[in-house]
Amino acid sequence: MRSTAKKIETLRIIAHPIRIKILDELTKGVKCVSDLEEFLEISQPNVSQHLSLLRSHGIIDYYVDGRLKCYFLVDAMIPELLSVLNKNYTSKLPAPACCPITKKGKYPGVRHGKQKTTVA
């Protein structure tokens, strides 16, 4: 069973746009560095840095085929996480009717606390 600390660490490691794209590609199958370099349109050293970080945390691994390093997913949680991240959520959860403890109070329909302001 994966500890909460390990789950948090996994989320921290994958929380980068390039690493998310790499992992999305690897859910489709094995990819070589050159495949990822072409797909991501970034330099080979940059791709390798991201792959190295993902590998050092046990999220991916590779095998060598001649001169090629071929990468693949090993962490079973990643496809499920990516599936959730790729969903298009269009609605919010319903507001509570009242406080579950006192059974009083009513949601006013506006958020309390700091509101984000937009600059035109």
N, C-alpha and C. Protein backbone atom coordinates (compact mmCIF):
# COMPACT_ATOMS: atom_id res chain seq x y z
N MET A 1 0.84 -1.18 0.00
CA MET A 1 0.00 0.00 0.00
C MET A 1 0.89 1.25 0.00
N ARG A 2 0.54 2.20 -0.80
CA ARG A 2 1.31 3.43 -0.95
C ARG A 2 0.94 4.40 0.17
N SER A 3 1.96 4.91 0.86
CA SER A 3 1.71 5.85 1.96
C SER A 3 1.25 7.19 1.42
N THR A 4 0.65 7.98 2.28
CA THR A 4 0.22 9.32 1.89
C THR A 4 1.41 10.15 1.42
N ALA A 5 2.53 10.02 2.11
CA ALA A 5 3.74 10.77 1.72
C ALA A 5 4.20 10.38 0.32
N LYS A 6 4.13 9.09 0.00
CA LYS A 6 4.54 8.62 -1.33
C LYS A 6 3.57 9.13 -2.40
N LYS A 7 2.27 9.15 -2.08
CA LYS A 7 1.28 9.68 -3.03
C LYS A 7 1.55 11.16 -3.31
N ILE A 8 1.82 11.91 -2.26
CA ILE A 8 2.09 13.34 -2.40
C ILE A 8 3.36 13.56 -3.23
N GLU A 9 4.38 12.75 -2.96
CA GLU A 9 5.63 12.86 -3.71
C GLU A 9 5.40 12.55 -5.20
N THR A 10 4.60 11.55 -5.49
CA THR A 10 4.29 11.21 -6.88
C THR A 10 3.58 12.37 -7.56
N LEU A 11 2.61 12.96 -6.88
CA LEU A 11 1.90 14.11 -7.46
C LEU A 11 2.85 15.28 -7.70
N ARG A 12 3.76 15.51 -6.76
CA ARG A 12 4.72 16.60 -6.90
C ARG A 12 5.62 16.36 -8.12
N ILE A 13 6.06 15.14 -8.29
CA ILE A 13 6.97 14.81 -9.40
C ILE A 13 6.28 14.95 -10.75
N ILE A 14 5.05 14.50 -10.87
CA ILE A 14 4.40 14.57 -12.19
C ILE A 14 3.82 15.95 -12.49
N ALA A 15 3.76 16.82 -11.51
CA ALA A 15 3.12 18.13 -11.67
C ALA A 15 3.99 19.11 -12.47
N HIS A 16 4.22 18.78 -13.70
CA HIS A 16 4.97 19.65 -14.62
C HIS A 16 4.39 19.41 -16.02
N PRO A 17 4.15 20.46 -16.79
CA PRO A 17 3.51 20.26 -18.10
C PRO A 17 4.24 19.27 -19.01
N ILE A 18 5.55 19.31 -19.04
CA ILE A 18 6.29 18.40 -19.92
C ILE A 18 6.18 16.97 -19.41
N ARG A 19 6.28 16.78 -18.09
CA ARG A 19 6.18 15.42 -17.55
C ARG A 19 4.78 14.84 -17.75
N ILE A 20 3.76 15.68 -17.63
CA ILE A 20 2.39 15.21 -17.91
C ILE A 20 2.29 14.76 -19.37
N LYS A 21 2.86 15.53 -20.30
CA LYS A 21 2.82 15.15 -21.72
C LYS A 21 3.59 13.85 -21.97
N ILE A 22 4.74 13.71 -21.32
CA ILE A 22 5.53 12.48 -21.45
C ILE A 22 4.70 11.29 -20.96
N LEU A 23 4.11 11.43 -19.80
CA LEU A 23 3.33 10.33 -19.24
C LEU A 23 2.10 10.02 -20.09
N ASP A 24 1.47 11.05 -20.63
CA ASP A 24 0.34 10.83 -21.55
C ASP A 24 0.79 9.98 -22.74
N GLU A 25 1.94 10.30 -23.30
CA GLU A 25 2.47 9.55 -24.43
C GLU A 25 2.80 8.11 -24.04
N LEU A 26 3.37 7.94 -22.85
CA LEU A 26 3.75 6.60 -22.42
C LEU A 26 2.54 5.73 -22.10
N THR A 27 1.38 6.33 -21.84
CA THR A 27 0.17 5.51 -21.65
C THR A 27 -0.24 4.85 -22.97
N LYS A 28 0.24 5.40 -24.08
CA LYS A 28 -0.07 4.85 -25.41
C LYS A 28 0.88 3.71 -25.79
N GLY A 29 2.00 3.61 -25.03
CA GLY A 29 2.97 2.55 -25.32
C GLY A 29 4.39 3.01 -25.15
N VAL A 30 5.32 2.14 -25.42
CA VAL A 30 6.75 2.39 -25.26
C VAL A 30 7.19 3.49 -26.22
N LYS A 31 8.01 4.40 -25.72
CA LYS A 31 8.54 5.49 -26.54
C LYS A 31 10.04 5.62 -26.30
N CYS A 32 10.77 5.92 -27.36
CA CYS A 32 12.20 6.19 -27.26
C CYS A 32 12.40 7.68 -27.05
N VAL A 33 13.57 8.06 -26.59
CA VAL A 33 13.87 9.47 -26.34
C VAL A 33 13.63 10.31 -27.59
N SER A 34 14.05 9.80 -28.74
CA SER A 34 13.88 10.57 -29.98
C SER A 34 12.40 10.78 -30.31
N ASP A 35 11.55 9.79 -30.00
CA ASP A 35 10.10 9.95 -30.21
C ASP A 35 9.57 11.10 -29.35
N LEU A 36 9.99 11.10 -28.10
CA LEU A 36 9.51 12.13 -27.17
C LEU A 36 10.07 13.50 -27.53
N GLU A 37 11.33 13.53 -27.94
CA GLU A 37 11.96 14.79 -28.35
C GLU A 37 11.20 15.41 -29.52
N GLU A 38 10.85 14.60 -30.47
CA GLU A 38 10.10 15.08 -31.64
C GLU A 38 8.70 15.54 -31.25
N PHE A 39 8.02 14.73 -30.45
CA PHE A 39 6.66 15.03 -30.03
C PHE A 39 6.60 16.31 -29.19
N LEU A 40 7.53 16.46 -28.25
CA LEU A 40 7.51 17.60 -27.32
C LEU A 40 8.15 18.86 -27.91
N GLU A 41 8.93 18.68 -28.96
CA GLU A 41 9.65 19.79 -29.59
C GLU A 41 10.56 20.50 -28.59
N ILE A 42 11.29 19.70 -27.80
CA ILE A 42 12.30 20.23 -26.88
C ILE A 42 13.58 19.43 -27.09
N SER A 43 14.67 19.93 -26.54
CA SER A 43 15.97 19.30 -26.76
C SER A 43 16.07 17.93 -26.08
N GLN A 44 16.95 17.11 -26.63
CA GLN A 44 17.17 15.77 -26.07
C GLN A 44 17.62 15.84 -24.62
N PRO A 45 18.57 16.75 -24.24
CA PRO A 45 18.97 16.83 -22.84
C PRO A 45 17.80 17.18 -21.91
N ASN A 46 16.90 18.04 -22.38
CA ASN A 46 15.73 18.42 -21.57
C ASN A 46 14.80 17.21 -21.38
N VAL A 47 14.54 16.48 -22.46
CA VAL A 47 13.72 15.27 -22.37
C VAL A 47 14.36 14.29 -21.39
N SER A 48 15.66 14.09 -21.52
CA SER A 48 16.37 13.14 -20.67
C SER A 48 16.31 13.52 -19.19
N GLN A 49 16.36 14.81 -18.90
CA GLN A 49 16.25 15.26 -17.50
C GLN A 49 14.90 14.88 -16.92
N HIS A 50 13.84 15.11 -17.67
CA HIS A 50 12.50 14.76 -17.19
C HIS A 50 12.36 13.25 -17.03
N LEU A 51 12.86 12.50 -18.00
CA LEU A 51 12.80 11.04 -17.93
C LEU A 51 13.58 10.52 -16.73
N SER A 52 14.73 11.09 -16.49
CA SER A 52 15.57 10.68 -15.36
C SER A 52 14.84 10.89 -14.03
N LEU A 53 14.19 12.03 -13.88
CA LEU A 53 13.45 12.31 -12.65
C LEU A 53 12.30 11.32 -12.47
N LEU A 54 11.54 11.07 -13.54
CA LEU A 54 10.43 10.13 -13.47
C LEU A 54 10.93 8.72 -13.14
N ARG A 55 12.06 8.35 -13.71
CA ARG A 55 12.62 7.02 -13.47
C ARG A 55 13.14 6.90 -12.05
N SER A 56 13.80 7.94 -11.54
CA SER A 56 14.36 7.86 -10.19
C SER A 56 13.28 7.75 -9.12
N HIS A 57 12.05 8.11 -9.46
CA HIS A 57 10.94 7.99 -8.52
C HIS A 57 10.06 6.77 -8.80
N GLY A 58 10.52 5.88 -9.68
CA GLY A 58 9.83 4.63 -9.92
C GLY A 58 8.54 4.76 -10.71
N ILE A 59 8.40 5.85 -11.46
CA ILE A 59 7.19 6.06 -12.24
C ILE A 59 7.32 5.42 -13.62
N ILE A 60 8.51 5.47 -14.17
CA ILE A 60 8.79 4.86 -15.47
C ILE A 60 10.07 4.03 -15.36
N ASP A 61 10.35 3.25 -16.39
CA ASP A 61 11.61 2.54 -16.50
C ASP A 61 11.94 2.45 -18.00
N TYR A 62 13.07 1.83 -18.32
CA TYR A 62 13.45 1.71 -19.73
C TYR A 62 14.19 0.40 -19.96
N TYR A 63 14.29 0.06 -21.23
CA TYR A 63 15.18 -1.02 -21.66
C TYR A 63 15.99 -0.48 -22.82
N VAL A 64 17.11 -1.11 -23.09
CA VAL A 64 17.99 -0.68 -24.17
C VAL A 64 17.81 -1.60 -25.36
N ASP A 65 17.61 -0.99 -26.53
CA ASP A 65 17.50 -1.72 -27.78
C ASP A 65 18.55 -1.14 -28.72
N GLY A 66 19.71 -1.79 -28.75
CA GLY A 66 20.83 -1.25 -29.53
C GLY A 66 21.31 0.04 -28.90
N ARG A 67 21.18 1.13 -29.64
CA ARG A 67 21.57 2.44 -29.11
C ARG A 67 20.39 3.20 -28.53
N LEU A 68 19.20 2.66 -28.61
CA LEU A 68 18.00 3.34 -28.15
C LEU A 68 17.62 2.96 -26.72
N LYS A 69 17.19 3.95 -25.97
CA LYS A 69 16.57 3.71 -24.67
C LYS A 69 15.07 3.85 -24.88
N CYS A 70 14.36 2.79 -24.55
CA CYS A 70 12.91 2.76 -24.77
C CYS A 70 12.22 2.81 -23.41
N TYR A 71 11.41 3.83 -23.19
CA TYR A 71 10.79 4.08 -21.88
C TYR A 71 9.35 3.58 -21.85
N PHE A 72 8.92 3.16 -20.66
CA PHE A 72 7.56 2.68 -20.46
C PHE A 72 7.13 2.97 -19.01
N LEU A 73 5.82 3.01 -18.81
CA LEU A 73 5.25 3.24 -17.48
C LEU A 73 5.39 2.00 -16.61
N VAL A 74 5.65 2.21 -15.31
CA VAL A 74 5.63 1.08 -14.37
C VAL A 74 4.69 1.35 -13.18
N ASP A 75 4.35 2.60 -12.94
CA ASP A 75 3.47 2.95 -11.83
C ASP A 75 2.02 2.87 -12.29
N ALA A 76 1.29 1.92 -11.74
CA ALA A 76 -0.09 1.67 -12.15
C ALA A 76 -1.04 2.82 -11.83
N MET A 77 -0.65 3.70 -10.92
CA MET A 77 -1.52 4.82 -10.55
C MET A 77 -1.56 5.91 -11.64
N ILE A 78 -0.52 6.00 -12.45
CA ILE A 78 -0.38 7.10 -13.42
C ILE A 78 -1.49 7.12 -14.47
N PRO A 79 -1.84 6.03 -15.13
CA PRO A 79 -2.93 6.12 -16.12
C PRO A 79 -4.24 6.60 -15.51
N GLU A 80 -4.53 6.18 -14.28
CA GLU A 80 -5.76 6.62 -13.63
C GLU A 80 -5.71 8.11 -13.30
N LEU A 81 -4.57 8.58 -12.80
CA LEU A 81 -4.42 10.01 -12.51
C LEU A 81 -4.58 10.84 -13.78
N LEU A 82 -3.96 10.40 -14.86
CA LEU A 82 -4.04 11.13 -16.12
C LEU A 82 -5.48 11.12 -16.66
N SER A 83 -6.17 10.03 -16.46
CA SER A 83 -7.56 9.95 -16.90
C SER A 83 -8.41 11.01 -16.20
N VAL A 84 -8.20 11.16 -14.90
CA VAL A 84 -8.94 12.18 -14.14
C VAL A 84 -8.54 13.58 -14.61
N LEU A 85 -7.25 13.80 -14.79
CA LEU A 85 -6.78 15.12 -15.23
C LEU A 85 -7.27 15.50 -16.62
N ASN A 86 -7.49 14.49 -17.46
CA ASN A 86 -7.91 14.76 -18.84
C ASN A 86 -9.42 14.89 -19.01
N LYS A 87 -10.18 14.61 -17.97
CA LYS A 87 -11.63 14.76 -18.06
C LYS A 87 -12.00 16.24 -18.12
N ASN A 88 -13.10 16.51 -18.78
CA ASN A 88 -13.59 17.87 -18.90
C ASN A 88 -14.76 18.06 -17.94
N TYR A 89 -14.46 18.53 -16.75
CA TYR A 89 -15.50 18.74 -15.75
C TYR A 89 -16.17 20.08 -16.02
N THR A 90 -17.47 20.06 -16.25
CA THR A 90 -18.17 21.29 -16.61
C THR A 90 -19.06 21.83 -15.51
N SER A 91 -19.29 21.04 -14.47
CA SER A 91 -20.17 21.53 -13.41
C SER A 91 -19.47 21.44 -12.05
N LYS A 92 -20.07 22.08 -11.08
CA LYS A 92 -19.56 22.06 -9.71
C LYS A 92 -20.41 21.10 -8.89
N LEU A 93 -19.88 20.71 -7.76
CA LEU A 93 -20.66 19.88 -6.84
C LEU A 93 -21.77 20.72 -6.23
N PRO A 94 -22.90 20.11 -5.88
CA PRO A 94 -23.99 20.89 -5.29
C PRO A 94 -23.62 21.41 -3.90
N ALA A 95 -24.14 22.57 -3.57
CA ALA A 95 -23.90 23.16 -2.26
C ALA A 95 -24.72 22.42 -1.20
N PRO A 96 -24.26 22.42 0.04
CA PRO A 96 -25.04 21.77 1.10
C PRO A 96 -26.31 22.56 1.40
N ALA A 97 -27.35 21.85 1.81
CA ALA A 97 -28.60 22.52 2.17
C ALA A 97 -28.45 23.29 3.48
N CYS A 98 -27.68 22.73 4.41
CA CYS A 98 -27.45 23.39 5.70
C CYS A 98 -26.23 22.77 6.36
N CYS A 99 -25.89 23.26 7.53
CA CYS A 99 -24.78 22.71 8.29
C CYS A 99 -25.15 21.29 8.75
N PRO A 100 -24.30 20.30 8.50
CA PRO A 100 -24.64 18.93 8.87
C PRO A 100 -24.67 18.69 10.38
N ILE A 101 -24.08 19.58 11.16
CA ILE A 101 -24.04 19.40 12.62
C ILE A 101 -25.21 20.10 13.30
N THR A 102 -25.37 21.40 13.02
CA THR A 102 -26.43 22.16 13.71
C THR A 102 -27.76 22.08 12.99
N LYS A 103 -27.72 21.65 11.73
CA LYS A 103 -28.91 21.61 10.87
C LYS A 103 -29.51 23.00 10.67
N LYS A 104 -28.65 24.02 10.85
CA LYS A 104 -29.08 25.41 10.65
C LYS A 104 -28.21 26.03 9.58
N GLY A 105 -28.48 27.24 9.29
CA GLY A 105 -27.69 27.96 8.30
C GLY A 105 -28.08 27.56 6.90
N LYS A 106 -27.80 28.43 5.98
CA LYS A 106 -28.15 28.18 4.60
C LYS A 106 -27.07 28.79 3.71
N TYR A 107 -26.68 28.08 2.71
CA TYR A 107 -25.67 28.56 1.77
C TYR A 107 -26.22 29.77 1.02
N PRO A 108 -25.52 30.92 1.10
CA PRO A 108 -26.04 32.14 0.47
C PRO A 108 -25.86 32.19 -1.05
N GLY A 109 -25.11 31.25 -1.60
CA GLY A 109 -24.94 31.24 -3.04
C GLY A 109 -23.71 32.00 -3.52
N VAL A 110 -22.96 32.59 -2.60
CA VAL A 110 -21.71 33.27 -2.96
C VAL A 110 -20.60 32.72 -2.07
N ARG A 111 -19.39 32.73 -2.61
CA ARG A 111 -18.24 32.26 -1.84
C ARG A 111 -17.87 33.26 -0.78
N HIS A 112 -17.49 32.75 0.36
CA HIS A 112 -16.97 33.60 1.42
C HIS A 112 -15.46 33.67 1.28
N GLY A 113 -14.84 34.69 1.86
CA GLY A 113 -13.39 34.81 1.80
C GLY A 113 -12.99 35.69 0.64
N LYS A 114 -11.70 35.60 0.30
CA LYS A 114 -11.15 36.43 -0.76
C LYS A 114 -11.70 36.00 -2.11
N GLN A 115 -12.10 36.95 -2.88
CA GLN A 115 -12.57 36.70 -4.24
C GLN A 115 -11.48 37.14 -5.22
N LYS A 116 -11.31 36.36 -6.26
CA LYS A 116 -10.33 36.73 -7.29
C LYS A 116 -10.92 37.89 -8.09
N THR A 117 -10.09 38.84 -8.38
CA THR A 117 -10.53 39.95 -9.23
C THR A 117 -9.83 39.82 -10.57
N THR A 118 -10.52 40.19 -11.59
CA THR A 118 -9.93 40.14 -12.92
C THR A 118 -9.56 41.54 -13.36
N VAL A 119 -8.45 41.61 -14.03
CA VAL A 119 -7.96 42.90 -14.55
C VAL A 119 -8.26 42.94 -16.03
N ALA A 120 -8.90 44.00 -16.45
CA ALA A 120 -9.25 44.11 -17.88
C ALA A 120 -8.15 44.74 -18.67
